[in-house]
Amino acid sequence: MWNKVVKRNADLCKMSMWKNMLYVQNFYSFEEMCATHTHQLAVDMQLSLVAPLLVYLLFVSQGWGTLLLVTLQVIPIALRYNVNIKNNLSLLIYNGMRLNQSYLTANMTYILPSHQATPYMFGIGLGYLLHKNNNKIHIPKNLVYGGWLSAAYLIYLSFFSMSEVVSPEYQYDAVKMSLYYALSPIALSLALCWAILACATGHGGWLNSALCWRGLTIFSKISYSVYLSQFLVFFYNVGTTKTSQELNASTIYVSLFEFILVLLVSTIMTLLFDLPMQEVKNIIMDTKGH
């Protein structure tokens, strides 16, 4: 599998690595993209360019800023639904789904910032709310219970409302799939916003304690490198496998060897590149400040 998995991706990167360096790879064909998982980094980068303007408008004029924020929520919903239903796309994999349908879904909606802005806009709105009303938000006890129940239900809808797709007899329904794709990001974003708001206002309970665990702080230092390096490890392991392997309960979900290797590679990458470059940035910014 080496030539099919590793060499093909290496050849793609030789031709198109410059797109990744400029964070524009998501504007090109998904099947010809170098390191396809990095499309999310490009989307984040592009949306981060919009954020300062939006935050500035919110502080200058809360009314116009809120109107623009709501507009930027409605547009992605409409785009996702419209593109999905017109082209019979599917974000979820189901029995009988064609490979070109997956590529079409990626190219026409999944990797585009205009379609994936929903959680980002929710995050900006919540961040502005918390900053503007720091330590002033009071949530009644009844609303706290209602908020957690609603968040749990929204998460359930996000993950399981289309669970029928796992059935071998599933028949594609364009309207239902389009509605799910258009609305599920809103449901999950609302649930996550509530969790953040609850933790920030002292209603997080055990979840807040878990999120403050020092182990997560350490992992957050290498999370960027984990994201970049994991597929290198996966591709290498697939490319070097020469014989059939027995599948069992211990390997079906996660390979311990891969897990340890990803952590090791990520730690090395963080120490050699990520943290030093952050220090260089800090030095440059400090120099400019003086």
Protein backbone atom coordinates (compact mmCIF):
# COMPACT_ATOMS: atom_id res chain seq x y z
CA MET A 1 0.00 0.00 0.00
CA TRP A 2 3.05 2.30 0.18
CA ASN A 3 2.76 3.71 -3.35
CA LYS A 4 -1.00 4.08 -3.10
CA VAL A 5 -1.10 5.74 0.32
CA VAL A 6 2.27 7.36 1.11
CA LYS A 7 3.84 8.07 -2.28
CA ARG A 8 0.63 9.50 -3.76
CA ASN A 9 0.25 11.94 -0.87
CA ALA A 10 3.96 12.80 -1.02
CA ASP A 11 3.66 13.56 -4.74
CA LEU A 12 0.64 15.78 -4.08
CA CYS A 13 2.58 17.70 -1.46
CA LYS A 14 5.52 18.21 -3.84
CA MET A 15 3.15 19.95 -6.24
CA SER A 16 0.87 21.84 -3.88
CA MET A 17 2.62 22.41 -0.54
CA TRP A 18 2.72 26.14 -1.36
CA LYS A 19 -1.09 26.25 -1.00
CA ASN A 20 -0.79 24.93 2.56
CA MET A 21 1.90 27.48 3.39
CA LEU A 22 -0.48 30.26 2.31
CA TYR A 23 -3.53 28.66 4.00
CA VAL A 24 -5.50 28.55 0.74
CA GLN A 25 -5.56 24.78 0.13
CA ASN A 26 -9.29 24.58 0.87
CA PHE A 27 -10.03 26.67 -2.23
CA TYR A 28 -8.73 23.85 -4.43
CA SER A 29 -9.90 20.30 -5.12
CA PHE A 30 -10.03 18.11 -2.02
CA GLU A 31 -8.74 15.02 -3.82
CA GLU A 32 -5.67 16.93 -5.01
CA MET A 33 -4.94 18.54 -1.62
CA CYS A 34 -1.69 18.02 0.23
CA ALA A 35 -2.50 16.64 3.71
CA THR A 36 -6.28 16.87 3.41
CA HIS A 37 -6.80 17.08 7.18
CA THR A 38 -5.14 20.53 7.19
CA HIS A 39 -8.15 22.08 5.44
CA GLN A 40 -9.50 22.90 8.92
CA LEU A 41 -6.41 24.98 9.68
CA ALA A 42 -7.05 27.01 6.52
CA VAL A 43 -10.71 27.52 7.45
CA ASP A 44 -9.71 28.68 10.95
CA MET A 45 -7.10 31.03 9.51
CA GLN A 46 -9.56 32.59 7.05
CA LEU A 47 -12.28 33.02 9.67
CA SER A 48 -9.76 34.56 12.08
CA LEU A 49 -9.26 37.37 9.55
CA VAL A 50 -12.97 38.21 9.79
CA ALA A 51 -13.13 38.07 13.59
CA PRO A 52 -11.32 41.37 14.43
CA LEU A 53 -13.63 43.38 12.16
CA LEU A 54 -16.70 41.75 13.66
CA VAL A 55 -15.51 42.24 17.25
CA TYR A 56 -14.63 45.87 16.50
CA LEU A 57 -18.12 46.52 15.13
CA LEU A 58 -19.69 44.88 18.20
CA PHE A 59 -17.86 47.31 20.48
CA VAL A 60 -18.48 50.35 18.28
CA SER A 61 -22.16 49.62 17.66
CA GLN A 62 -23.69 46.70 19.51
CA GLY A 63 -26.88 46.82 17.42
CA TRP A 64 -25.19 46.73 14.01
CA GLY A 65 -22.62 44.25 15.25
CA THR A 66 -25.31 41.89 16.52
CA LEU A 67 -27.23 42.24 13.26
CA LEU A 68 -24.13 41.34 11.27
CA LEU A 69 -23.40 38.42 13.60
CA VAL A 70 -26.92 37.06 13.11
CA THR A 71 -26.64 37.55 9.34
CA LEU A 72 -23.38 35.64 9.30
CA GLN A 73 -25.21 32.83 11.11
CA VAL A 74 -28.13 32.70 8.68
CA ILE A 75 -26.03 32.75 5.50
CA PRO A 76 -24.03 29.53 6.24
CA ILE A 77 -27.27 27.72 7.16
CA ALA A 78 -28.86 28.70 3.86
CA LEU A 79 -25.70 27.84 1.91
CA ARG A 80 -25.37 24.39 3.48
CA TYR A 81 -29.02 23.49 2.89
CA ASN A 82 -29.13 24.87 -0.66
CA VAL A 83 -25.92 23.22 -1.89
CA ASN A 84 -26.72 19.93 -0.17
CA ILE A 85 -30.23 19.52 -1.55
CA LYS A 86 -29.37 20.64 -5.08
CA ASN A 87 -26.42 18.25 -5.44
CA ASN A 88 -27.58 15.28 -3.31
CA LEU A 89 -24.61 15.61 -1.00
CA SER A 90 -24.06 13.76 2.26
CA LEU A 91 -21.84 14.66 5.16
CA LEU A 92 -22.50 11.21 6.63
CA ILE A 93 -21.22 7.98 5.09
CA TYR A 94 -23.89 5.38 4.40
CA ASN A 95 -24.07 1.97 2.76
CA GLY A 96 -23.82 2.34 -1.02
CA MET A 97 -22.43 5.87 -0.97
CA ARG A 98 -20.13 6.59 -3.93
CA LEU A 99 -16.61 7.95 -3.44
CA ASN A 100 -17.21 10.83 -5.86
CA GLN A 101 -20.17 11.89 -3.69
CA SER A 102 -17.79 12.23 -0.73
CA TYR A 103 -15.36 14.32 -2.77
CA LEU A 104 -18.21 16.45 -4.10
CA THR A 105 -19.46 17.08 -0.55
CA ALA A 106 -15.96 18.10 0.54
CA ASN A 107 -15.37 20.40 -2.43
CA MET A 108 -18.77 22.08 -2.49
CA THR A 109 -19.38 22.67 1.21
CA TYR A 110 -17.28 20.86 3.85
CA ILE A 111 -13.99 22.74 3.33
CA LEU A 112 -15.42 26.20 2.62
CA PRO A 113 -15.27 28.86 5.36
CA SER A 114 -18.57 30.39 4.23
CA HIS A 115 -20.28 27.08 5.01
CA GLN A 116 -18.38 26.29 8.21
CA ALA A 117 -18.64 29.66 9.98
CA THR A 118 -21.50 28.67 12.31
CA PRO A 119 -19.52 27.53 15.42
CA TYR A 120 -16.99 30.32 14.89
CA MET A 121 -19.72 32.99 14.96
CA PHE A 122 -21.28 31.43 18.05
CA GLY A 123 -17.86 31.56 19.71
CA ILE A 124 -17.40 35.25 18.87
CA GLY A 125 -20.86 36.07 20.18
CA LEU A 126 -20.33 34.21 23.45
CA GLY A 127 -16.85 35.69 23.89
CA TYR A 128 -18.26 39.19 23.46
CA LEU A 129 -21.08 38.45 25.94
CA LEU A 130 -18.68 37.17 28.60
CA HIS A 131 -16.26 40.05 28.10
CA LYS A 132 -18.99 42.69 28.21
CA ASN A 133 -20.72 41.22 31.26
CA ASN A 134 -17.75 39.88 33.20
CA ASN A 135 -18.92 38.54 36.62
CA LYS A 136 -22.35 40.12 36.09
CA ILE A 137 -24.24 37.19 34.56
CA HIS A 138 -26.63 35.55 37.02
CA ILE A 139 -28.46 32.39 35.96
CA PRO A 140 -31.40 31.21 38.13
CA LYS A 141 -31.14 27.64 39.42
CA ASN A 142 -34.15 26.45 37.40
CA LEU A 143 -32.57 27.77 34.20
CA VAL A 144 -29.32 25.99 35.04
CA TYR A 145 -31.12 22.62 35.11
CA GLY A 146 -33.02 23.50 31.96
CA GLY A 147 -29.82 24.60 30.25
CA TRP A 148 -27.99 21.34 30.96
CA LEU A 149 -30.99 19.24 29.88
CA SER A 150 -31.32 21.26 26.68
CA ALA A 151 -27.58 21.00 25.98
CA ALA A 152 -27.68 17.22 26.46
CA TYR A 153 -30.65 16.94 24.11
CA LEU A 154 -28.98 19.13 21.48
CA ILE A 155 -25.84 16.97 21.63
CA TYR A 156 -28.02 13.89 21.25
CA LEU A 157 -29.68 15.39 18.17
CA SER A 158 -26.30 16.32 16.69
CA PHE A 159 -24.88 12.82 17.00
CA PHE A 160 -27.87 10.47 16.81
CA SER A 161 -30.77 12.12 14.97
CA MET A 162 -29.49 10.58 11.72
CA SER A 163 -28.37 7.25 13.22
CA GLU A 164 -30.52 5.48 10.63
CA VAL A 165 -27.69 5.91 8.10
CA VAL A 166 -25.83 2.98 9.69
CA SER A 167 -28.53 0.58 8.52
CA PRO A 168 -27.68 -1.45 5.37
CA GLU A 169 -31.23 -0.74 4.16
CA TYR A 170 -30.90 3.05 4.49
CA GLN A 171 -32.27 5.01 1.53
CA TYR A 172 -30.83 8.46 0.90
CA ASP A 173 -33.29 11.29 1.66
CA ALA A 174 -32.00 14.62 0.29
CA VAL A 175 -34.38 16.82 2.30
CA LYS A 176 -33.72 15.10 5.62
CA MET A 177 -29.96 14.99 5.05
CA SER A 178 -29.92 18.67 4.04
CA LEU A 179 -31.87 19.72 7.13
CA TYR A 180 -29.52 17.73 9.33
CA TYR A 181 -26.44 19.26 7.73
CA ALA A 182 -27.86 22.77 7.92
CA LEU A 183 -29.06 22.61 11.54
CA SER A 184 -26.79 20.17 13.40
CA PRO A 185 -23.88 22.67 13.66
CA ILE A 186 -26.28 25.10 15.35
CA ALA A 187 -27.44 22.46 17.82
CA LEU A 188 -23.91 21.43 18.77
CA SER A 189 -22.69 25.05 18.94
CA LEU A 190 -25.53 26.01 21.27
CA ALA A 191 -24.74 23.04 23.52
CA LEU A 192 -21.05 23.94 23.68
CA CYS A 193 -21.86 27.61 24.29
CA TRP A 194 -24.04 26.63 27.22
CA ALA A 195 -21.28 24.43 28.67
CA ILE A 196 -18.79 27.33 28.43
CA LEU A 197 -21.26 29.84 29.86
CA ALA A 198 -22.19 27.51 32.72
CA CYS A 199 -18.54 26.90 33.61
CA ALA A 200 -17.74 30.63 33.39
CA THR A 201 -20.60 31.51 35.75
CA GLY A 202 -19.91 28.83 38.35
CA HIS A 203 -22.48 26.27 37.23
CA GLY A 204 -20.07 23.84 35.58
CA GLY A 205 -19.79 21.37 38.45
CA TRP A 206 -17.67 18.29 37.71
CA LEU A 207 -17.31 19.31 34.05
CA ASN A 208 -15.56 22.53 35.03
CA SER A 209 -13.23 20.57 37.33
CA ALA A 210 -12.46 18.09 34.54
CA LEU A 211 -11.74 20.88 32.03
CA CYS A 212 -9.36 22.49 34.55
CA TRP A 213 -7.39 19.25 34.97
CA ARG A 214 -3.66 19.88 34.52
CA GLY A 215 -3.36 16.94 32.14
CA LEU A 216 -5.57 18.74 29.64
CA THR A 217 -3.39 21.83 29.95
CA ILE A 218 -0.34 19.77 29.04
CA PHE A 219 -2.18 18.09 26.15
CA SER A 220 -3.29 21.48 24.82
CA LYS A 221 0.40 22.34 24.34
CA ILE A 222 0.83 19.48 21.86
CA SER A 223 -2.71 19.41 20.38
CA TYR A 224 -1.69 21.42 17.29
CA SER A 225 1.16 19.01 16.58
CA VAL A 226 -1.13 16.03 17.22
CA TYR A 227 -3.49 17.36 14.59
CA LEU A 228 -0.68 17.75 12.05
CA SER A 229 1.24 14.55 12.73
CA GLN A 230 -1.45 11.92 13.33
CA PHE A 231 -2.12 11.26 9.64
CA LEU A 232 1.60 10.88 8.95
CA VAL A 233 1.63 8.06 11.48
CA PHE A 234 -1.59 6.53 10.12
CA PHE A 235 -0.36 6.64 6.51
CA TYR A 236 3.04 5.18 7.44
CA ASN A 237 1.44 2.27 9.32
CA VAL A 238 -0.99 1.54 6.49
CA GLY A 239 1.75 1.85 3.86
CA THR A 240 4.13 -0.53 5.64
CA THR A 241 1.55 -3.23 6.47
CA LYS A 242 2.33 -6.28 4.30
CA THR A 243 0.10 -8.95 5.79
CA SER A 244 -3.45 -9.31 7.03
CA GLN A 245 -3.97 -8.61 10.69
CA GLU A 246 -6.50 -10.02 13.10
CA LEU A 247 -9.15 -7.51 14.16
CA ASN A 248 -10.31 -7.73 17.77
CA ALA A 249 -11.99 -5.65 20.45
CA SER A 250 -8.71 -4.11 21.61
CA THR A 251 -7.64 -2.82 18.18
CA ILE A 252 -10.94 -1.94 16.51
CA TYR A 253 -11.13 1.53 18.08
CA VAL A 254 -7.55 2.53 18.84
CA SER A 255 -4.09 1.11 18.33
CA LEU A 256 -1.91 1.56 21.43
CA PHE A 257 1.23 1.65 19.26
CA GLU A 258 -0.23 4.39 17.05
CA PHE A 259 -1.43 6.32 20.08
CA ILE A 260 2.02 6.30 21.72
CA LEU A 261 3.77 7.11 18.42
CA VAL A 262 1.47 10.08 17.71
CA LEU A 263 2.13 11.47 21.20
CA LEU A 264 5.89 10.99 20.77
CA VAL A 265 6.05 12.61 17.32
CA SER A 266 3.77 15.45 18.47
CA THR A 267 5.91 16.16 21.54
CA ILE A 268 9.09 16.28 19.44
CA MET A 269 7.42 18.54 16.86
CA THR A 270 6.15 20.86 19.59
CA LEU A 271 9.56 21.15 21.28
CA LEU A 272 11.53 21.61 18.06
CA PHE A 273 9.19 23.85 16.06
CA ASP A 274 5.94 25.01 17.66
CA LEU A 275 7.15 26.41 21.00
CA PRO A 276 10.32 28.02 19.55
CA MET A 277 8.27 29.77 16.85
CA GLN A 278 5.85 31.05 19.50
CA GLU A 279 8.83 32.49 21.38
CA VAL A 280 10.11 34.14 18.18
CA LYS A 281 6.68 35.71 17.70
CA ASN A 282 6.64 36.95 21.30
CA ILE A 283 10.11 38.48 20.89
CA ILE A 284 9.08 40.24 17.66
CA MET A 285 5.86 41.56 19.21
CA ASP A 286 7.75 42.72 22.32
CA THR A 287 10.35 44.49 20.18
CA LYS A 288 7.62 46.30 18.25
CA GLY A 289 5.97 47.29 21.53
CA HIS A 290 9.13 49.06 22.66
